[in-house]
Amino acid sequence: MNETPIAELGYEDARDELVDVVKLLEQGGLDLDASLALWERGEALATHCEQHLAGARTRIEKALARDEE
């Protein structure tokens, strides 16, 4: 699994890693500690993706507002 700090990941990389995390968790077979660590990274990745999308949404809304003026 990727050990890059989540804050350094762009949206696409974070999304792709999140997909991988979900696949690994769905496959099962991991011990409890590994599963929990993977789950925590997945939660952090999901939050990071949501923040990227919220930032993009804000930029689009500002650009549209400027165009309307």
PDB file of N, CA and C in Angstrom:
ATOM      1  N   MET A   1       0.847  -1.182   0.000  1.00  0.00           N
ATOM      2  CA  MET A   1       0.000   0.000   0.000  1.00  0.00           C
ATOM      3  C   MET A   1       0.886   1.237   0.000  1.00  0.00           C
ATOM      4  N   ASN A   2       0.382   2.280  -0.570  1.00  0.00           N
ATOM      5  CA  ASN A   2       1.089   3.540  -0.704  1.00  0.00           C
ATOM      6  C   ASN A   2       1.361   4.151   0.666  1.00  0.00           C
ATOM      7  N   GLU A   3       2.582   4.575   0.885  1.00  0.00           N
ATOM      8  CA  GLU A   3       2.932   5.224   2.148  1.00  0.00           C
ATOM      9  C   GLU A   3       3.121   6.727   1.976  1.00  0.00           C
ATOM     10  N   THR A   4       2.781   7.261   0.800  1.00  0.00           N
ATOM     11  CA  THR A   4       2.863   8.700   0.573  1.00  0.00           C
ATOM     12  C   THR A   4       1.895   9.396   1.521  1.00  0.00           C
ATOM     13  N   PRO A   5       2.357  10.466   2.179  1.00  0.00           N
ATOM     14  CA  PRO A   5       1.424  11.202   3.034  1.00  0.00           C
ATOM     15  C   PRO A   5       0.207  11.652   2.218  1.00  0.00           C
ATOM     16  N   ILE A   6      -0.950  11.481   2.773  1.00  0.00           N
ATOM     17  CA  ILE A   6      -2.186  11.767   2.053  1.00  0.00           C
ATOM     18  C   ILE A   6      -2.247  13.220   1.603  1.00  0.00           C
ATOM     19  N   ALA A   7      -1.747  14.127   2.422  1.00  0.00           N
ATOM     20  CA  ALA A   7      -1.777  15.550   2.070  1.00  0.00           C
ATOM     21  C   ALA A   7      -0.994  15.848   0.792  1.00  0.00           C
ATOM     22  N   GLU A   8      -0.081  14.972   0.422  1.00  0.00           N
ATOM     23  CA  GLU A   8       0.724  15.178  -0.781  1.00  0.00           C
ATOM     24  C   GLU A   8       0.086  14.582  -2.034  1.00  0.00           C
ATOM     25  N   LEU A   9      -1.007  13.855  -1.885  1.00  0.00           N
ATOM     26  CA  LEU A   9      -1.657  13.209  -3.023  1.00  0.00           C
ATOM     27  C   LEU A   9      -2.619  14.162  -3.713  1.00  0.00           C
ATOM     28  N   GLY A  10      -2.619  14.117  -5.024  1.00  0.00           N
ATOM     29  CA  GLY A  10      -3.631  14.817  -5.787  1.00  0.00           C
ATOM     30  C   GLY A  10      -4.933  14.029  -5.737  1.00  0.00           C
ATOM     31  N   TYR A  11      -5.991  14.612  -6.272  1.00  0.00           N
ATOM     32  CA  TYR A  11      -7.297  13.966  -6.221  1.00  0.00           C
ATOM     33  C   TYR A  11      -7.286  12.588  -6.863  1.00  0.00           C
ATOM     34  N   GLU A  12      -6.761  12.509  -8.082  1.00  0.00           N
ATOM     35  CA  GLU A  12      -6.808  11.241  -8.819  1.00  0.00           C
ATOM     36  C   GLU A  12      -6.022  10.146  -8.113  1.00  0.00           C
ATOM     37  N   ASP A  13      -4.840  10.488  -7.599  1.00  0.00           N
ATOM     38  CA  ASP A  13      -4.040   9.487  -6.889  1.00  0.00           C
ATOM     39  C   ASP A  13      -4.739   9.026  -5.614  1.00  0.00           C
ATOM     40  N   ALA A  14      -5.333   9.969  -4.888  1.00  0.00           N
ATOM     41  CA  ALA A  14      -6.054   9.609  -3.657  1.00  0.00           C
ATOM     42  C   ALA A  14      -7.259   8.741  -3.979  1.00  0.00           C
ATOM     43  N   ARG A  15      -7.983   9.084  -5.027  1.00  0.00           N
ATOM     44  CA  ARG A  15      -9.153   8.296  -5.437  1.00  0.00           C
ATOM     45  C   ARG A  15      -8.754   6.887  -5.838  1.00  0.00           C
ATOM     46  N   ASP A  16      -7.687   6.780  -6.625  1.00  0.00           N
ATOM     47  CA  ASP A  16      -7.233   5.463  -7.075  1.00  0.00           C
ATOM     48  C   ASP A  16      -6.782   4.607  -5.895  1.00  0.00           C
ATOM     49  N   GLU A  17      -6.076   5.214  -4.952  1.00  0.00           N
ATOM     50  CA  GLU A  17      -5.651   4.449  -3.782  1.00  0.00           C
ATOM     51  C   GLU A  17      -6.855   4.028  -2.946  1.00  0.00           C
ATOM     52  N   LEU A  18      -7.844   4.904  -2.844  1.00  0.00           N
ATOM     53  CA  LEU A  18      -9.059   4.570  -2.094  1.00  0.00           C
ATOM     54  C   LEU A  18      -9.756   3.363  -2.725  1.00  0.00           C
ATOM     55  N   VAL A  19      -9.812   3.314  -4.031  1.00  0.00           N
ATOM     56  CA  VAL A  19     -10.395   2.159  -4.725  1.00  0.00           C
ATOM     57  C   VAL A  19      -9.629   0.896  -4.356  1.00  0.00           C
ATOM     58  N   ASP A  20      -8.302   0.984  -4.334  1.00  0.00           N
ATOM     59  CA  ASP A  20      -7.477  -0.172  -3.963  1.00  0.00           C
ATOM     60  C   ASP A  20      -7.736  -0.604  -2.521  1.00  0.00           C
ATOM     61  N   VAL A  21      -7.875   0.357  -1.624  1.00  0.00           N
ATOM     62  CA  VAL A  21      -8.150   0.059  -0.211  1.00  0.00           C
ATOM     63  C   VAL A  21      -9.468  -0.697  -0.089  1.00  0.00           C
ATOM     64  N   VAL A  22     -10.481  -0.217  -0.773  1.00  0.00           N
ATOM     65  CA  VAL A  22     -11.794  -0.865  -0.713  1.00  0.00           C
ATOM     66  C   VAL A  22     -11.701  -2.303  -1.227  1.00  0.00           C
ATOM     67  N   LYS A  23     -10.997  -2.506  -2.335  1.00  0.00           N
ATOM     68  CA  LYS A  23     -10.840  -3.860  -2.885  1.00  0.00           C
ATOM     69  C   LYS A  23     -10.164  -4.792  -1.877  1.00  0.00           C
ATOM     70  N   LEU A  24      -9.100  -4.301  -1.250  1.00  0.00           N
ATOM     71  CA  LEU A  24      -8.387  -5.123  -0.273  1.00  0.00           C
ATOM     72  C   LEU A  24      -9.275  -5.469   0.917  1.00  0.00           C
ATOM     73  N   LEU A  25     -10.038  -4.496   1.396  1.00  0.00           N
ATOM     74  CA  LEU A  25     -10.921  -4.759   2.528  1.00  0.00           C
ATOM     75  C   LEU A  25     -12.028  -5.741   2.147  1.00  0.00           C
ATOM     76  N   GLU A  26     -12.544  -5.625   0.929  1.00  0.00           N
ATOM     77  CA  GLU A  26     -13.597  -6.530   0.484  1.00  0.00           C
ATOM     78  C   GLU A  26     -13.086  -7.962   0.314  1.00  0.00           C
ATOM     79  N   GLN A  27     -11.818  -8.111  -0.068  1.00  0.00           N
ATOM     80  CA  GLN A  27     -11.240  -9.445  -0.244  1.00  0.00           C
ATOM     81  C   GLN A  27     -11.105 -10.167   1.090  1.00  0.00           C
ATOM     82  N   GLY A  28     -10.883  -9.389   2.137  1.00  0.00           N
ATOM     83  CA  GLY A  28     -10.710  -9.993   3.458  1.00  0.00           C
ATOM     84  C   GLY A  28      -9.373 -10.701   3.574  1.00  0.00           C
ATOM     85  N   GLY A  29      -9.255 -11.506   4.609  1.00  0.00           N
ATOM     86  CA  GLY A  29      -8.035 -12.264   4.816  1.00  0.00           C
ATOM     87  C   GLY A  29      -6.954 -11.525   5.577  1.00  0.00           C
ATOM     88  N   LEU A  30      -7.201 -10.270   5.921  1.00  0.00           N
ATOM     89  CA  LEU A  30      -6.222  -9.509   6.683  1.00  0.00           C
ATOM     90  C   LEU A  30      -6.492  -9.678   8.167  1.00  0.00           C
ATOM     91  N   ASP A  31      -5.435  -9.555   8.972  1.00  0.00           N
ATOM     92  CA  ASP A  31      -5.667  -9.611  10.414  1.00  0.00           C
ATOM     93  C   ASP A  31      -6.321  -8.302  10.867  1.00  0.00           C
ATOM     94  N   LEU A  32      -6.790  -8.281  12.073  1.00  0.00           N
ATOM     95  CA  LEU A  32      -7.550  -7.136  12.579  1.00  0.00           C
ATOM     96  C   LEU A  32      -6.755  -5.842  12.525  1.00  0.00           C
ATOM     97  N   ASP A  33      -5.498  -5.870  12.963  1.00  0.00           N
ATOM     98  CA  ASP A  33      -4.691  -4.650  12.967  1.00  0.00           C
ATOM     99  C   ASP A  33      -4.475  -4.110  11.558  1.00  0.00           C
ATOM    100  N   ALA A  34      -4.194  -4.983  10.615  1.00  0.00           N
ATOM    101  CA  ALA A  34      -3.997  -4.560   9.225  1.00  0.00           C
ATOM    102  C   ALA A  34      -5.293  -4.007   8.646  1.00  0.00           C
ATOM    103  N   SER A  35      -6.404  -4.651   8.957  1.00  0.00           N
ATOM    104  CA  SER A  35      -7.699  -4.180   8.470  1.00  0.00           C
ATOM    105  C   SER A  35      -8.024  -2.800   9.025  1.00  0.00           C
ATOM    106  N   LEU A  36      -7.772  -2.606  10.312  1.00  0.00           N
ATOM    107  CA  LEU A  36      -8.048  -1.310  10.928  1.00  0.00           C
ATOM    108  C   LEU A  36      -7.163  -0.212  10.345  1.00  0.00           C
ATOM    109  N   ALA A  37      -5.889  -0.515  10.151  1.00  0.00           N
ATOM    110  CA  ALA A  37      -4.977   0.468   9.566  1.00  0.00           C
ATOM    111  C   ALA A  37      -5.419   0.833   8.151  1.00  0.00           C
ATOM    112  N   LEU A  38      -5.830  -0.167   7.393  1.00  0.00           N
ATOM    113  CA  LEU A  38      -6.298   0.066   6.030  1.00  0.00           C
ATOM    114  C   LEU A  38      -7.585   0.877   6.041  1.00  0.00           C
ATOM    115  N   TRP A  39      -8.480   0.549   6.939  1.00  0.00           N
ATOM    116  CA  TRP A  39      -9.741   1.287   7.069  1.00  0.00           C
ATOM    117  C   TRP A  39      -9.470   2.751   7.396  1.00  0.00           C
ATOM    118  N   GLU A  40      -8.559   2.993   8.337  1.00  0.00           N
ATOM    119  CA  GLU A  40      -8.239   4.367   8.732  1.00  0.00           C
ATOM    120  C   GLU A  40      -7.647   5.144   7.564  1.00  0.00           C
ATOM    121  N   ARG A  41      -6.764   4.513   6.799  1.00  0.00           N
ATOM    122  CA  ARG A  41      -6.200   5.194   5.621  1.00  0.00           C
ATOM    123  C   ARG A  41      -7.300   5.468   4.605  1.00  0.00           C
ATOM    124  N   GLY A  42      -8.198   4.522   4.421  1.00  0.00           N
ATOM    125  CA  GLY A  42      -9.307   4.732   3.500  1.00  0.00           C
ATOM    126  C   GLY A  42     -10.190   5.898   3.913  1.00  0.00           C
ATOM    127  N   GLU A  43     -10.470   5.996   5.203  1.00  0.00           N
ATOM    128  CA  GLU A  43     -11.271   7.126   5.703  1.00  0.00           C
ATOM    129  C   GLU A  43     -10.559   8.448   5.432  1.00  0.00           C
ATOM    130  N   ALA A  44      -9.255   8.481   5.688  1.00  0.00           N
ATOM    131  CA  ALA A  44      -8.481   9.698   5.452  1.00  0.00           C
ATOM    132  C   ALA A  44      -8.436  10.032   3.961  1.00  0.00           C
ATOM    133  N   LEU A  45      -8.305   9.025   3.125  1.00  0.00           N
ATOM    134  CA  LEU A  45      -8.314   9.247   1.675  1.00  0.00           C
ATOM    135  C   LEU A  45      -9.662   9.793   1.205  1.00  0.00           C
ATOM    136  N   ALA A  46     -10.751   9.246   1.731  1.00  0.00           N
ATOM    137  CA  ALA A  46     -12.091   9.710   1.354  1.00  0.00           C
ATOM    138  C   ALA A  46     -12.279  11.175   1.754  1.00  0.00           C
ATOM    139  N   THR A  47     -11.834  11.527   2.939  1.00  0.00           N
ATOM    140  CA  THR A  47     -11.932  12.921   3.396  1.00  0.00           C
ATOM    141  C   THR A  47     -11.111  13.833   2.499  1.00  0.00           C
ATOM    142  N   HIS A  48      -9.926  13.388   2.143  1.00  0.00           N
ATOM    143  CA  HIS A  48      -9.048  14.173   1.271  1.00  0.00           C
ATOM    144  C   HIS A  48      -9.718  14.402  -0.088  1.00  0.00           C
ATOM    145  N   CYS A  49     -10.324  13.357  -0.643  1.00  0.00           N
ATOM    146  CA  CYS A  49     -11.032  13.491  -1.922  1.00  0.00           C
ATOM    147  C   CYS A  49     -12.195  14.470  -1.802  1.00  0.00           C
ATOM    148  N   GLU A  50     -12.956  14.378  -0.725  1.00  0.00           N
ATOM    149  CA  GLU A  50     -14.080  15.290  -0.513  1.00  0.00           C
ATOM    150  C   GLU A  50     -13.605  16.733  -0.430  1.00  0.00           C
ATOM    151  N   GLN A  51     -12.470  16.957   0.211  1.00  0.00           N
ATOM    152  CA  GLN A  51     -11.932  18.314   0.312  1.00  0.00           C
ATOM    153  C   GLN A  51     -11.513  18.844  -1.050  1.00  0.00           C
ATOM    154  N   HIS A  52     -10.899  17.988  -1.859  1.00  0.00           N
ATOM    155  CA  HIS A  52     -10.527  18.388  -3.221  1.00  0.00           C
ATOM    156  C   HIS A  52     -11.768  18.777  -4.024  1.00  0.00           C
ATOM    157  N   LEU A  53     -12.800  17.951  -3.942  1.00  0.00           N
ATOM    158  CA  LEU A  53     -14.020  18.229  -4.693  1.00  0.00           C
ATOM    159  C   LEU A  53     -14.704  19.499  -4.209  1.00  0.00           C
ATOM    160  N   ALA A  54     -14.716  19.725  -2.908  1.00  0.00           N
ATOM    161  CA  ALA A  54     -15.318  20.941  -2.364  1.00  0.00           C
ATOM    162  C   ALA A  54     -14.551  22.166  -2.848  1.00  0.00           C
ATOM    163  N   GLY A  55     -13.230  22.070  -2.881  1.00  0.00           N
ATOM    164  CA  GLY A  55     -12.419  23.181  -3.376  1.00  0.00           C
ATOM    165  C   GLY A  55     -12.678  23.455  -4.842  1.00  0.00           C
ATOM    166  N   ALA A  56     -12.810  22.405  -5.623  1.00  0.00           N
ATOM    167  CA  ALA A  56     -13.098  22.573  -7.051  1.00  0.00           C
ATOM    168  C   ALA A  56     -14.474  23.204  -7.250  1.00  0.00           C
ATOM    169  N   ARG A  57     -15.441  22.759  -6.453  1.00  0.00           N
ATOM    170  CA  ARG A  57     -16.795  23.308  -6.541  1.00  0.00           C
ATOM    171  C   ARG A  57     -16.781  24.807  -6.239  1.00  0.00           C
ATOM    172  N   THR A  58     -16.052  25.201  -5.210  1.00  0.00           N
ATOM    173  CA  THR A  58     -15.963  26.611  -4.832  1.00  0.00           C
ATOM    174  C   THR A  58     -15.332  27.426  -5.951  1.00  0.00           C
ATOM    175  N   ARG A  59     -14.267  26.900  -6.551  1.00  0.00           N
ATOM    176  CA  ARG A  59     -13.616  27.618  -7.651  1.00  0.00           C
ATOM    177  C   ARG A  59     -14.556  27.792  -8.832  1.00  0.00           C
ATOM    178  N   ILE A  60     -15.324  26.767  -9.145  1.00  0.00           N
ATOM    179  CA  ILE A  60     -16.276  26.850 -10.260  1.00  0.00           C
ATOM    180  C   ILE A  60     -17.363  27.872  -9.953  1.00  0.00           C
ATOM    181  N   GLU A  61     -17.885  27.832  -8.747  1.00  0.00           N
ATOM    182  CA  GLU A  61     -18.934  28.786  -8.366  1.00  0.00           C
ATOM    183  C   GLU A  61     -18.426  30.216  -8.441  1.00  0.00           C
ATOM    184  N   LYS A  62     -17.192  30.467  -8.011  1.00  0.00           N
ATOM    185  CA  LYS A  62     -16.615  31.812  -8.080  1.00  0.00           C
ATOM    186  C   LYS A  62     -16.429  32.242  -9.524  1.00  0.00           C
ATOM    187  N   ALA A  63     -15.968  31.329 -10.364  1.00  0.00           N
ATOM    188  CA  ALA A  63     -15.770  31.657 -11.775  1.00  0.00           C
ATOM    189  C   ALA A  63     -17.094  31.973 -12.451  1.00  0.00           C
ATOM    190  N   LEU A  64     -18.132  31.200 -12.131  1.00  0.00           N
ATOM    191  CA  LEU A  64     -19.453  31.464 -12.704  1.00  0.00           C
ATOM    192  C   LEU A  64     -20.008  32.794 -12.213  1.00  0.00           C
ATOM    193  N   ALA A  65     -19.791  33.100 -10.960  1.00  0.00           N
ATOM    194  CA  ALA A  65     -20.272  34.359 -10.396  1.00  0.00           C
ATOM    195  C   ALA A  65     -19.580  35.544 -11.087  1.00  0.00           C
ATOM    196  N   ARG A  66     -18.272  35.408 -11.356  1.00  0.00           N
ATOM    197  CA  ARG A  66     -17.555  36.482 -12.048  1.00  0.00           C
ATOM    198  C   ARG A  66     -18.097  36.666 -13.463  1.00  0.00           C
ATOM    199  N   ASP A  67     -18.422  35.563 -14.129  1.00  0.00           N
ATOM    200  CA  ASP A  67     -18.947  35.641 -15.485  1.00  0.00           C
ATOM    201  C   ASP A  67     -20.304  36.317 -15.528  1.00  0.00           C
ATOM    202  N   GLU A  68     -21.091  36.157 -14.469  1.00  0.00           N
ATOM    203  CA  GLU A  68     -22.421  36.758 -14.424  1.00  0.00           C
ATOM    204  C   GLU A  68     -22.379  38.258 -14.152  1.00  0.00           C
ATOM    205  N   GLU A  69     -21.273  38.732 -13.605  1.00  0.00           N
ATOM    206  CA  GLU A  69     -21.175  40.154 -13.257  1.00  0.00           C
ATOM    207  C   GLU A  69     -20.913  41.027 -14.441  1.00  0.00           C
TER     208      GLU A  69
END
